[in-house]
PDB file of N, CA and C in Angstrom:
ATOM      1  N   UNK A   1     128.970  26.717 -32.463  1.00  0.00           N
ATOM      2  CA  UNK A   1     129.471  27.359 -33.677  1.00  0.00           C
ATOM      3  C   UNK A   1     130.699  26.747 -34.052  1.00  0.00           C
ATOM      4  N   UNK A   2     130.876  26.154 -35.225  1.00  0.00           N
ATOM      5  CA  UNK A   2     132.135  25.583 -35.626  1.00  0.00           C
ATOM      6  C   UNK A   2     133.031  26.652 -36.321  1.00  0.00           C
ATOM      7  N   UNK A   3     132.388  27.521 -37.009  1.00  0.00           N
ATOM      8  CA  UNK A   3     133.051  28.515 -37.804  1.00  0.00           C
ATOM      9  C   UNK A   3     132.113  29.766 -38.180  1.00  0.00           C
ATOM     10  N   UNK A   4     132.764  30.832 -38.435  1.00  0.00           N
ATOM     11  CA  UNK A   4     131.944  31.990 -38.942  1.00  0.00           C
ATOM     12  C   UNK A   4     132.777  32.852 -39.788  1.00  0.00           C
ATOM     13  N   UNK A   5     132.097  33.691 -40.698  1.00  0.00           N
ATOM     14  CA  UNK A   5     132.817  34.802 -41.324  1.00  0.00           C
ATOM     15  C   UNK A   5     131.839  35.903 -41.708  1.00  0.00           C
ATOM     16  N   UNK A   6     132.412  37.051 -41.921  1.00  0.00           N
ATOM     17  CA  UNK A   6     131.546  38.203 -42.409  1.00  0.00           C
ATOM     18  C   UNK A   6     131.658  38.248 -43.895  1.00  0.00           C
ATOM     19  N   UNK A   7     130.648  38.593 -44.452  1.00  0.00           N
ATOM     20  CA  UNK A   7     130.445  38.747 -45.973  1.00  0.00           C
ATOM     21  C   UNK A   7     129.346  39.632 -46.317  1.00  0.00           C
ATOM     22  N   UNK A   8     129.702  40.466 -47.377  1.00  0.00           N
ATOM     23  CA  UNK A   8     128.678  41.505 -47.744  1.00  0.00           C
ATOM     24  C   UNK A   8     127.701  40.740 -48.610  1.00  0.00           C
ATOM     25  N   UNK A   9     126.433  41.333 -48.678  1.00  0.00           N
ATOM     26  CA  UNK A   9     125.290  40.622 -49.368  1.00  0.00           C
ATOM     27  C   UNK A   9     124.318  41.823 -49.719  1.00  0.00           C
ATOM     28  N   UNK A  10     123.261  41.260 -50.374  1.00  0.00           N
ATOM     29  CA  UNK A  10     122.190  42.130 -50.727  1.00  0.00           C
ATOM     30  C   UNK A  10     122.412  42.393 -52.248  1.00  0.00           C
ATOM     31  N   UNK A  11     121.247  42.521 -52.990  1.00  0.00           N
ATOM     32  CA  UNK A  11     121.303  42.586 -54.386  1.00  0.00           C
ATOM     33  C   UNK A  11     122.315  43.771 -54.977  1.00  0.00           C
ATOM     34  N   UNK A  12     122.028  44.907 -54.453  1.00  0.00           N
ATOM     35  CA  UNK A  12     122.832  46.139 -54.802  1.00  0.00           C
ATOM     36  C   UNK A  12     124.387  45.789 -54.581  1.00  0.00           C
ATOM     37  N   UNK A  13     124.778  45.424 -53.510  1.00  0.00           N
ATOM     38  CA  UNK A  13     126.100  45.252 -53.209  1.00  0.00           C
ATOM     39  C   UNK A  13     126.736  44.065 -53.962  1.00  0.00           C
ATOM     40  N   UNK A  14     125.928  42.996 -54.169  1.00  0.00           N
ATOM     41  CA  UNK A  14     126.354  41.882 -54.925  1.00  0.00           C
ATOM     42  C   UNK A  14     126.640  42.195 -56.379  1.00  0.00           C
ATOM     43  N   UNK A  15     125.567  43.033 -56.948  1.00  0.00           N
ATOM     44  CA  UNK A  15     125.708  43.396 -58.298  1.00  0.00           C
ATOM     45  C   UNK A  15     126.949  44.311 -58.502  1.00  0.00           C
ATOM     46  N   UNK A  16     127.140  45.303 -57.639  1.00  0.00           N
ATOM     47  CA  UNK A  16     128.314  46.079 -57.710  1.00  0.00           C
ATOM     48  C   UNK A  16     129.638  45.303 -57.691  1.00  0.00           C
ATOM     49  N   UNK A  17     129.673  44.299 -56.857  1.00  0.00           N
ATOM     50  CA  UNK A  17     130.959  43.512 -56.695  1.00  0.00           C
ATOM     51  C   UNK A  17     131.182  42.831 -58.010  1.00  0.00           C
ATOM     52  N   UNK A  18     130.245  42.092 -58.513  1.00  0.00           N
ATOM     53  CA  UNK A  18     130.292  41.269 -59.784  1.00  0.00           C
ATOM     54  C   UNK A  18     130.749  42.227 -60.982  1.00  0.00           C
ATOM     55  N   UNK A  19     130.082  43.426 -61.028  1.00  0.00           N
ATOM     56  CA  UNK A  19     130.347  44.312 -62.149  1.00  0.00           C
ATOM     57  C   UNK A  19     131.713  44.765 -62.023  1.00  0.00           C
ATOM     58  N   UNK A  20     132.261  45.129 -60.748  1.00  0.00           N
ATOM     59  CA  UNK A  20     133.559  45.641 -60.530  1.00  0.00           C
ATOM     60  C   UNK A  20     134.618  44.535 -60.921  1.00  0.00           C
ATOM     61  N   UNK A  21     134.314  43.255 -60.583  1.00  0.00           N
ATOM     62  CA  UNK A  21     135.203  42.132 -60.915  1.00  0.00           C
ATOM     63  C   UNK A  21     135.300  41.932 -62.373  1.00  0.00           C
ATOM     64  N   UNK A  22     134.194  42.349 -63.187  1.00  0.00           N
ATOM     65  CA  UNK A  22     134.118  42.248 -64.657  1.00  0.00           C
ATOM     66  C   UNK A  22     134.784  43.430 -65.257  1.00  0.00           C
ATOM     67  N   UNK A  23     135.276  44.425 -64.548  1.00  0.00           N
ATOM     68  CA  UNK A  23     135.888  45.639 -65.108  1.00  0.00           C
ATOM     69  C   UNK A  23     135.076  46.828 -65.283  1.00  0.00           C
ATOM     70  N   UNK A  24     133.822  46.751 -64.839  1.00  0.00           N
ATOM     71  CA  UNK A  24     132.947  47.843 -65.047  1.00  0.00           C
ATOM     72  C   UNK A  24     132.951  48.858 -63.879  1.00  0.00           C
ATOM     73  N   UNK A  25     133.068  50.138 -64.209  1.00  0.00           N
ATOM     74  CA  UNK A  25     133.040  50.993 -62.971  1.00  0.00           C
ATOM     75  C   UNK A  25     131.622  51.084 -62.517  1.00  0.00           C
ATOM     76  N   UNK A  26     131.446  51.061 -61.213  1.00  0.00           N
ATOM     77  CA  UNK A  26     130.113  51.014 -60.602  1.00  0.00           C
ATOM     78  C   UNK A  26     130.076  51.801 -59.306  1.00  0.00           C
ATOM     79  N   UNK A  27     128.824  52.216 -58.888  1.00  0.00           N
ATOM     80  CA  UNK A  27     128.583  52.935 -57.692  1.00  0.00           C
ATOM     81  C   UNK A  27     127.434  52.376 -56.899  1.00  0.00           C
ATOM     82  N   UNK A  28     127.719  52.270 -55.614  1.00  0.00           N
ATOM     83  CA  UNK A  28     126.651  51.853 -54.687  1.00  0.00           C
ATOM     84  C   UNK A  28     126.043  52.939 -54.143  1.00  0.00           C
ATOM     85  N   UNK A  29     124.618  53.067 -54.045  1.00  0.00           N
ATOM     86  CA  UNK A  29     123.982  54.219 -53.539  1.00  0.00           C
ATOM     87  C   UNK A  29     122.894  53.644 -52.499  1.00  0.00           C
ATOM     88  N   UNK A  30     123.273  53.901 -51.254  1.00  0.00           N
ATOM     89  CA  UNK A  30     122.364  53.470 -50.098  1.00  0.00           C
ATOM     90  C   UNK A  30     122.836  54.271 -48.981  1.00  0.00           C
ATOM     91  N   UNK A  31     121.994  54.142 -47.845  1.00  0.00           N
ATOM     92  CA  UNK A  31     122.381  54.789 -46.712  1.00  0.00           C
ATOM     93  C   UNK A  31     123.384  53.935 -45.887  1.00  0.00           C
ATOM     94  N   UNK A  32     124.385  54.704 -45.335  1.00  0.00           N
ATOM     95  CA  UNK A  32     125.484  54.119 -44.589  1.00  0.00           C
ATOM     96  C   UNK A  32     125.564  54.721 -43.158  1.00  0.00           C
ATOM     97  N   UNK A  33     125.906  53.894 -42.226  1.00  0.00           N
ATOM     98  CA  UNK A  33     126.041  54.477 -40.825  1.00  0.00           C
ATOM     99  C   UNK A  33     127.451  54.407 -40.464  1.00  0.00           C
ATOM    100  N   UNK A  34     127.682  54.454 -39.138  1.00  0.00           N
ATOM    101  CA  UNK A  34     129.079  54.534 -38.555  1.00  0.00           C
ATOM    102  C   UNK A  34     129.363  53.283 -37.822  1.00  0.00           C
ATOM    103  N   UNK A  35     128.417  52.337 -37.773  1.00  0.00           N
ATOM    104  CA  UNK A  35     128.509  51.175 -36.943  1.00  0.00           C
ATOM    105  C   UNK A  35     129.520  50.183 -37.632  1.00  0.00           C
ATOM    106  N   UNK A  36     129.756  49.141 -36.972  1.00  0.00           N
ATOM    107  CA  UNK A  36     130.706  48.148 -37.479  1.00  0.00           C
ATOM    108  C   UNK A  36     130.289  47.516 -38.836  1.00  0.00           C
ATOM    109  N   UNK A  37     129.036  47.244 -38.978  1.00  0.00           N
ATOM    110  CA  UNK A  37     128.493  46.664 -40.259  1.00  0.00           C
ATOM    111  C   UNK A  37     128.752  47.577 -41.480  1.00  0.00           C
ATOM    112  N   UNK A  38     128.330  48.777 -41.229  1.00  0.00           N
ATOM    113  CA  UNK A  38     128.597  49.829 -42.262  1.00  0.00           C
ATOM    114  C   UNK A  38     130.123  49.919 -42.638  1.00  0.00           C
ATOM    115  N   UNK A  39     130.966  50.007 -41.611  1.00  0.00           N
ATOM    116  CA  UNK A  39     132.284  50.195 -41.833  1.00  0.00           C
ATOM    117  C   UNK A  39     132.905  48.889 -42.580  1.00  0.00           C
ATOM    118  N   UNK A  40     132.468  47.822 -42.174  1.00  0.00           N
ATOM    119  CA  UNK A  40     132.827  46.592 -43.024  1.00  0.00           C
ATOM    120  C   UNK A  40     132.378  46.597 -44.475  1.00  0.00           C
ATOM    121  N   UNK A  41     131.190  47.027 -44.647  1.00  0.00           N
ATOM    122  CA  UNK A  41     130.664  47.165 -45.971  1.00  0.00           C
ATOM    123  C   UNK A  41     131.520  48.202 -46.832  1.00  0.00           C
ATOM    124  N   UNK A  42     131.844  49.345 -46.259  1.00  0.00           N
ATOM    125  CA  UNK A  42     132.571  50.342 -46.907  1.00  0.00           C
ATOM    126  C   UNK A  42     134.014  49.755 -47.141  1.00  0.00           C
ATOM    127  N   UNK A  43     134.638  49.024 -46.362  1.00  0.00           N
ATOM    128  CA  UNK A  43     135.999  48.559 -46.534  1.00  0.00           C
ATOM    129  C   UNK A  43     135.914  47.528 -47.740  1.00  0.00           C
ATOM    130  N   UNK A  44     134.898  46.722 -47.737  1.00  0.00           N
ATOM    131  CA  UNK A  44     134.755  45.716 -48.850  1.00  0.00           C
ATOM    132  C   UNK A  44     134.582  46.496 -50.180  1.00  0.00           C
ATOM    133  N   UNK A  45     133.730  47.505 -50.199  1.00  0.00           N
ATOM    134  CA  UNK A  45     133.644  48.297 -51.397  1.00  0.00           C
ATOM    135  C   UNK A  45     134.883  48.962 -51.922  1.00  0.00           C
ATOM    136  N   UNK A  46     135.616  49.442 -50.930  1.00  0.00           N
ATOM    137  CA  UNK A  46     136.966  50.013 -51.295  1.00  0.00           C
ATOM    138  C   UNK A  46     137.902  48.887 -51.962  1.00  0.00           C
ATOM    139  N   UNK A  47     137.815  47.709 -51.243  1.00  0.00           N
ATOM    140  CA  UNK A  47     138.669  46.567 -51.904  1.00  0.00           C
ATOM    141  C   UNK A  47     138.303  46.283 -53.315  1.00  0.00           C
ATOM    142  N   UNK A  48     137.044  46.434 -53.724  1.00  0.00           N
ATOM    143  CA  UNK A  48     136.671  46.101 -55.083  1.00  0.00           C
ATOM    144  C   UNK A  48     136.569  47.322 -55.901  1.00  0.00           C
ATOM    145  N   UNK A  49     136.838  48.500 -55.400  1.00  0.00           N
ATOM    146  CA  UNK A  49     136.927  49.721 -56.247  1.00  0.00           C
ATOM    147  C   UNK A  49     135.492  50.230 -56.487  1.00  0.00           C
ATOM    148  N   UNK A  50     134.551  49.991 -55.639  1.00  0.00           N
ATOM    149  CA  UNK A  50     133.229  50.426 -55.865  1.00  0.00           C
ATOM    150  C   UNK A  50     132.994  51.827 -55.198  1.00  0.00           C
ATOM    151  N   UNK A  51     132.556  52.720 -55.976  1.00  0.00           N
ATOM    152  CA  UNK A  51     132.356  54.120 -55.545  1.00  0.00           C
ATOM    153  C   UNK A  51     131.136  54.199 -54.609  1.00  0.00           C
ATOM    154  N   UNK A  52     131.240  54.805 -53.525  1.00  0.00           N
ATOM    155  CA  UNK A  52     130.060  54.935 -52.643  1.00  0.00           C
ATOM    156  C   UNK A  52     130.055  56.426 -52.063  1.00  0.00           C
ATOM    157  N   UNK A  53     130.662  57.340 -52.823  1.00  0.00           N
ATOM    158  CA  UNK A  53     130.762  58.708 -52.457  1.00  0.00           C
ATOM    159  C   UNK A  53     129.547  59.449 -52.209  1.00  0.00           C
ATOM    160  N   UNK A  54     128.509  59.179 -52.952  1.00  0.00           N
ATOM    161  CA  UNK A  54     127.256  59.734 -52.830  1.00  0.00           C
ATOM    162  C   UNK A  54     126.339  59.337 -51.810  1.00  0.00           C
ATOM    163  N   UNK A  55     126.730  58.300 -51.072  1.00  0.00           N
ATOM    164  CA  UNK A  55     125.782  57.671 -50.042  1.00  0.00           C
ATOM    165  C   UNK A  55     125.603  58.579 -48.872  1.00  0.00           C
ATOM    166  N   UNK A  56     124.298  58.802 -48.518  1.00  0.00           N
ATOM    167  CA  UNK A  56     124.142  59.617 -47.353  1.00  0.00           C
ATOM    168  C   UNK A  56     124.528  58.795 -45.988  1.00  0.00           C
ATOM    169  N   UNK A  57     125.159  59.532 -45.100  1.00  0.00           N
ATOM    170  CA  UNK A  57     125.638  58.943 -43.936  1.00  0.00           C
ATOM    171  C   UNK A  57     124.707  59.226 -42.730  1.00  0.00           C
ATOM    172  N   UNK A  58     124.393  58.207 -42.078  1.00  0.00           N
ATOM    173  CA  UNK A  58     123.528  58.374 -40.858  1.00  0.00           C
ATOM    174  C   UNK A  58     124.419  58.443 -39.635  1.00  0.00           C
ATOM    175  N   UNK A  59     124.560  59.473 -39.112  1.00  0.00           N
ATOM    176  CA  UNK A  59     125.439  59.741 -37.957  1.00  0.00           C
ATOM    177  C   UNK A  59     124.992  59.469 -36.634  1.00  0.00           C
ATOM    178  N   UNK A  60     123.652  59.160 -36.526  1.00  0.00           N
ATOM    179  CA  UNK A  60     122.941  58.940 -35.294  1.00  0.00           C
ATOM    180  C   UNK A  60     123.470  57.578 -34.875  1.00  0.00           C
ATOM    181  N   UNK A  61     123.097  57.166 -33.622  1.00  0.00           N
ATOM    182  CA  UNK A  61     123.383  55.945 -33.040  1.00  0.00           C
ATOM    183  C   UNK A  61     122.499  54.716 -33.770  1.00  0.00           C
ATOM    184  N   UNK A  62     122.801  54.473 -34.891  1.00  0.00           N
ATOM    185  CA  UNK A  62     121.868  53.507 -35.796  1.00  0.00           C
ATOM    186  C   UNK A  62     122.763  52.381 -36.144  1.00  0.00           C
ATOM    187  N   UNK A  63     122.149  51.252 -36.269  1.00  0.00           N
ATOM    188  CA  UNK A  63     122.779  49.961 -36.713  1.00  0.00           C
ATOM    189  C   UNK A  63     122.131  49.538 -37.940  1.00  0.00           C
ATOM    190  N   UNK A  64     122.980  49.312 -38.955  1.00  0.00           N
ATOM    191  CA  UNK A  64     122.439  48.816 -40.296  1.00  0.00           C
ATOM    192  C   UNK A  64     121.885  47.468 -40.254  1.00  0.00           C
ATOM    193  N   UNK A  65     121.052  47.111 -41.113  1.00  0.00           N
ATOM    194  CA  UNK A  65     120.531  45.726 -41.004  1.00  0.00           C
ATOM    195  C   UNK A  65     121.622  44.709 -41.347  1.00  0.00           C
ATOM    196  N   UNK A  66     121.424  43.576 -40.673  1.00  0.00           N
ATOM    197  CA  UNK A  66     122.406  42.474 -40.952  1.00  0.00           C
ATOM    198  C   UNK A  66     121.644  41.108 -40.890  1.00  0.00           C
ATOM    199  N   UNK A  67     122.112  40.231 -41.513  1.00  0.00           N
ATOM    200  CA  UNK A  67     121.639  38.891 -41.633  1.00  0.00           C
ATOM    201  C   UNK A  67     122.667  37.801 -41.147  1.00  0.00           C
ATOM    202  N   UNK A  68     122.268  36.864 -40.440  1.00  0.00           N
ATOM    203  CA  UNK A  68     123.135  35.805 -40.052  1.00  0.00           C
ATOM    204  C   UNK A  68     122.491  34.474 -40.705  1.00  0.00           C
ATOM    205  N   UNK A  69     123.427  33.727 -41.404  1.00  0.00           N
ATOM    206  CA  UNK A  69     123.085  32.590 -41.990  1.00  0.00           C
ATOM    207  C   UNK A  69     123.696  31.421 -41.233  1.00  0.00           C
ATOM    208  N   UNK A  70     122.771  30.543 -40.880  1.00  0.00           N
ATOM    209  CA  UNK A  70     123.203  29.441 -39.967  1.00  0.00           C
ATOM    210  C   UNK A  70     123.082  28.094 -40.900  1.00  0.00           C
ATOM    211  N   UNK A  71     124.203  27.400 -41.140  1.00  0.00           N
ATOM    212  CA  UNK A  71     124.216  26.315 -41.965  1.00  0.00           C
ATOM    213  C   UNK A  71     124.412  24.993 -41.043  1.00  0.00           C
ATOM    214  N   UNK A  72     123.517  24.027 -41.351  1.00  0.00           N
ATOM    215  CA  UNK A  72     123.610  22.802 -40.440  1.00  0.00           C
ATOM    216  C   UNK A  72     124.511  21.809 -41.300  1.00  0.00           C
ATOM    217  N   UNK A  73     125.621  21.379 -40.706  1.00  0.00           N
ATOM    218  CA  UNK A  73     126.451  20.404 -41.231  1.00  0.00           C
ATOM    219  C   UNK A  73     125.774  19.116 -41.403  1.00  0.00           C
ATOM    220  N   UNK A  74     124.947  18.724 -40.397  1.00  0.00           N
ATOM    221  CA  UNK A  74     124.259  17.470 -40.395  1.00  0.00           C
ATOM    222  C   UNK A  74     123.219  17.350 -41.472  1.00  0.00           C
ATOM    223  N   UNK A  75     122.274  18.388 -41.746  1.00  0.00           N
ATOM    224  CA  UNK A  75     121.271  18.288 -42.614  1.00  0.00           C
ATOM    225  C   UNK A  75     121.624  19.024 -43.991  1.00  0.00           C
ATOM    226  N   UNK A  76     122.468  19.939 -43.881  1.00  0.00           N
ATOM    227  CA  UNK A  76     122.627  20.927 -44.999  1.00  0.00           C
ATOM    228  C   UNK A  76     121.635  21.939 -45.174  1.00  0.00           C
ATOM    229  N   UNK A  77     120.777  22.059 -44.228  1.00  0.00           N
ATOM    230  CA  UNK A  77     119.826  23.079 -44.194  1.00  0.00           C
ATOM    231  C   UNK A  77     120.374  24.468 -43.912  1.00  0.00           C
ATOM    232  N   UNK A  78     119.705  25.441 -44.185  1.00  0.00           N
ATOM    233  CA  UNK A  78     120.069  26.839 -44.011  1.00  0.00           C
ATOM    234  C   UNK A  78     118.995  27.715 -43.375  1.00  0.00           C
ATOM    235  N   UNK A  79     119.384  28.405 -42.311  1.00  0.00           N
ATOM    236  CA  UNK A  79     118.442  29.225 -41.680  1.00  0.00           C
ATOM    237  C   UNK A  79     118.957  30.698 -41.578  1.00  0.00           C
ATOM    238  N   UNK A  80     118.167  31.693 -42.126  1.00  0.00           N
ATOM    239  CA  UNK A  80     118.617  33.016 -42.114  1.00  0.00           C
ATOM    240  C   UNK A  80     117.821  33.777 -41.055  1.00  0.00           C
ATOM    241  N   UNK A  81     118.546  34.488 -40.097  1.00  0.00           N
ATOM    242  CA  UNK A  81     118.047  35.336 -39.156  1.00  0.00           C
ATOM    243  C   UNK A  81     118.298  36.870 -39.563  1.00  0.00           C
ATOM    244  N   UNK A  82     117.376  37.628 -39.735  1.00  0.00           N
ATOM    245  CA  UNK A  82     117.622  38.946 -40.190  1.00  0.00           C
ATOM    246  C   UNK A  82     117.210  39.955 -39.178  1.00  0.00           C
ATOM    247  N   UNK A  83     118.063  40.969 -38.888  1.00  0.00           N
ATOM    248  CA  UNK A  83     117.842  42.026 -37.933  1.00  0.00           C
ATOM    249  C   UNK A  83     117.856  43.305 -38.651  1.00  0.00           C
ATOM    250  N   UNK A  84     116.740  44.017 -38.600  1.00  0.00           N
ATOM    251  CA  UNK A  84     116.528  45.370 -39.315  1.00  0.00           C
ATOM    252  C   UNK A  84     116.066  46.322 -38.203  1.00  0.00           C
ATOM    253  N   UNK A  85     116.822  47.158 -37.599  1.00  0.00           N
ATOM    254  CA  UNK A  85     116.350  48.060 -36.497  1.00  0.00           C
ATOM    255  C   UNK A  85     115.900  49.393 -37.035  1.00  0.00           C
ATOM    256  N   UNK A  86     115.134  49.284 -38.164  1.00  0.00           N
ATOM    257  CA  UNK A  86     114.504  50.615 -38.620  1.00  0.00           C
ATOM    258  C   UNK A  86     115.515  51.565 -39.175  1.00  0.00           C
ATOM    259  N   UNK A  87     116.580  51.051 -39.787  1.00  0.00           N
ATOM    260  CA  UNK A  87     117.636  51.893 -40.355  1.00  0.00           C
ATOM    261  C   UNK A  87     117.054  52.810 -41.422  1.00  0.00           C
ATOM    262  N   UNK A  88     117.288  54.037 -41.479  1.00  0.00           N
ATOM    263  CA  UNK A  88     116.749  54.911 -42.389  1.00  0.00           C
ATOM    264  C   UNK A  88     116.961  54.568 -43.864  1.00  0.00           C
ATOM    265  N   UNK A  89     116.034  54.574 -44.734  1.00  0.00           N
ATOM    266  CA  UNK A  89     116.204  54.345 -46.152  1.00  0.00           C
ATOM    267  C   UNK A  89     116.550  55.655 -46.882  1.00  0.00           C
ATOM    268  N   UNK A  90     116.884  55.495 -48.171  1.00  0.00           N
ATOM    269  CA  UNK A  90     117.090  56.600 -49.083  1.00  0.00           C
ATOM    270  C   UNK A  90     115.829  57.352 -49.160  1.00  0.00           C
ATOM    271  N   UNK A  91     116.039  58.645 -49.314  1.00  0.00           N
ATOM    272  CA  UNK A  91     114.849  59.552 -49.444  1.00  0.00           C
ATOM    273  C   UNK A  91     114.837  60.215 -50.845  1.00  0.00           C
ATOM    274  N   UNK A  92     113.698  60.828 -51.194  1.00  0.00           N
ATOM    275  CA  UNK A  92     113.631  61.601 -52.492  1.00  0.00           C
ATOM    276  C   UNK A  92     114.721  62.578 -52.547  1.00  0.00           C
ATOM    277  N   UNK A  93     114.887  63.300 -51.477  1.00  0.00           N
ATOM    278  CA  UNK A  93     115.943  64.300 -51.374  1.00  0.00           C
ATOM    279  C   UNK A  93     117.393  63.709 -51.701  1.00  0.00           C
ATOM    280  N   UNK A  94     117.690  62.580 -51.307  1.00  0.00           N
ATOM    281  CA  UNK A  94     118.861  61.964 -51.601  1.00  0.00           C
ATOM    282  C   UNK A  94     119.069  61.716 -53.077  1.00  0.00           C
ATOM    283  N   UNK A  95     118.019  61.298 -53.773  1.00  0.00           N
ATOM    284  CA  UNK A  95     118.050  60.988 -55.146  1.00  0.00           C
ATOM    285  C   UNK A  95     118.222  62.416 -55.950  1.00  0.00           C
ATOM    286  N   UNK A  96     117.510  63.443 -55.407  1.00  0.00           N
ATOM    287  CA  UNK A  96     117.485  64.681 -56.160  1.00  0.00           C
ATOM    288  C   UNK A  96     118.910  65.325 -56.179  1.00  0.00           C
ATOM    289  N   UNK A  97     119.771  64.796 -55.212  1.00  0.00           N
ATOM    290  CA  UNK A  97     121.203  65.388 -55.304  1.00  0.00           C
ATOM    291  C   UNK A  97     122.070  64.808 -56.362  1.00  0.00           C
ATOM    292  N   UNK A  98     121.640  63.691 -56.970  1.00  0.00           N
ATOM    293  CA  UNK A  98     122.419  63.074 -58.028  1.00  0.00           C
ATOM    294  C   UNK A  98     122.034  63.641 -59.309  1.00  0.00           C
ATOM    295  N   UNK A  99     123.004  63.601 -60.304  1.00  0.00           N
ATOM    296  CA  UNK A  99     122.778  63.874 -61.663  1.00  0.00           C
ATOM    297  C   UNK A  99     122.708  62.561 -62.319  1.00  0.00           C
ATOM    298  N   UNK A 100     121.351  62.097 -62.665  1.00  0.00           N
ATOM    299  CA  UNK A 100     121.199  60.860 -63.246  1.00  0.00           C
ATOM    300  C   UNK A 100     121.785  60.700 -64.630  1.00  0.00           C
ATOM    301  N   UNK A 101     122.137  61.848 -65.280  1.00  0.00           N
ATOM    302  CA  UNK A 101     122.919  61.818 -66.610  1.00  0.00           C
ATOM    303  C   UNK A 101     124.207  61.237 -66.416  1.00  0.00           C
ATOM    304  N   UNK A 102     124.771  61.139 -65.240  1.00  0.00           N
ATOM    305  CA  UNK A 102     126.162  60.602 -65.118  1.00  0.00           C
ATOM    306  C   UNK A 102     126.147  59.086 -65.077  1.00  0.00           C
ATOM    307  N   UNK A 103     125.023  58.458 -65.166  1.00  0.00           N
ATOM    308  CA  UNK A 103     124.956  56.928 -65.173  1.00  0.00           C
ATOM    309  C   UNK A 103     124.278  56.442 -66.449  1.00  0.00           C
ATOM    310  N   UNK A 104     124.913  55.406 -66.918  1.00  0.00           N
ATOM    311  CA  UNK A 104     124.349  54.647 -68.106  1.00  0.00           C
ATOM    312  C   UNK A 104     123.378  53.583 -67.747  1.00  0.00           C
ATOM    313  N   UNK A 105     123.516  53.047 -66.569  1.00  0.00           N
ATOM    314  CA  UNK A 105     122.571  51.978 -66.135  1.00  0.00           C
ATOM    315  C   UNK A 105     122.345  52.050 -64.658  1.00  0.00           C
ATOM    316  N   UNK A 106     121.102  51.933 -64.240  1.00  0.00           N
ATOM    317  CA  UNK A 106     120.819  51.926 -62.721  1.00  0.00           C
ATOM    318  C   UNK A 106     120.191  50.758 -62.411  1.00  0.00           C
ATOM    319  N   UNK A 107     120.483  50.005 -61.380  1.00  0.00           N
ATOM    320  CA  UNK A 107     119.790  48.847 -60.729  1.00  0.00           C
ATOM    321  C   UNK A 107     119.104  49.385 -59.632  1.00  0.00           C
ATOM    322  N   UNK A 108     117.701  49.400 -59.618  1.00  0.00           N
ATOM    323  CA  UNK A 108     116.952  50.007 -58.569  1.00  0.00           C
ATOM    324  C   UNK A 108     116.126  48.927 -57.893  1.00  0.00           C
ATOM    325  N   UNK A 109     116.010  48.918 -56.652  1.00  0.00           N
ATOM    326  CA  UNK A 109     115.203  47.999 -55.966  1.00  0.00           C
ATOM    327  C   UNK A 109     114.470  48.556 -54.724  1.00  0.00           C
TER     328      UNK A 109
END
């Protein structure tokens, strides 16, 4: 390994980051844990002013999904290794706690 860095990703986090940089208030809604990856994501969202106050927290000993991107200097190829240890997804009950009238646009995937 010549170098490495941590970076947030995923459609929802990326959309929130870009919208925030463009001056739009935005909120991320997804399950968050207490592991290093979740803490890193929360710190990045704070940095960009992204609200995540409605995110359900998974307090159990769970690790959120993470991807490692390996770039080859020699060939320019990219290999992505994804680890998803069955981290809990949002539930209908999580959505029922929100007042959807508070939002003018929702990116759902």
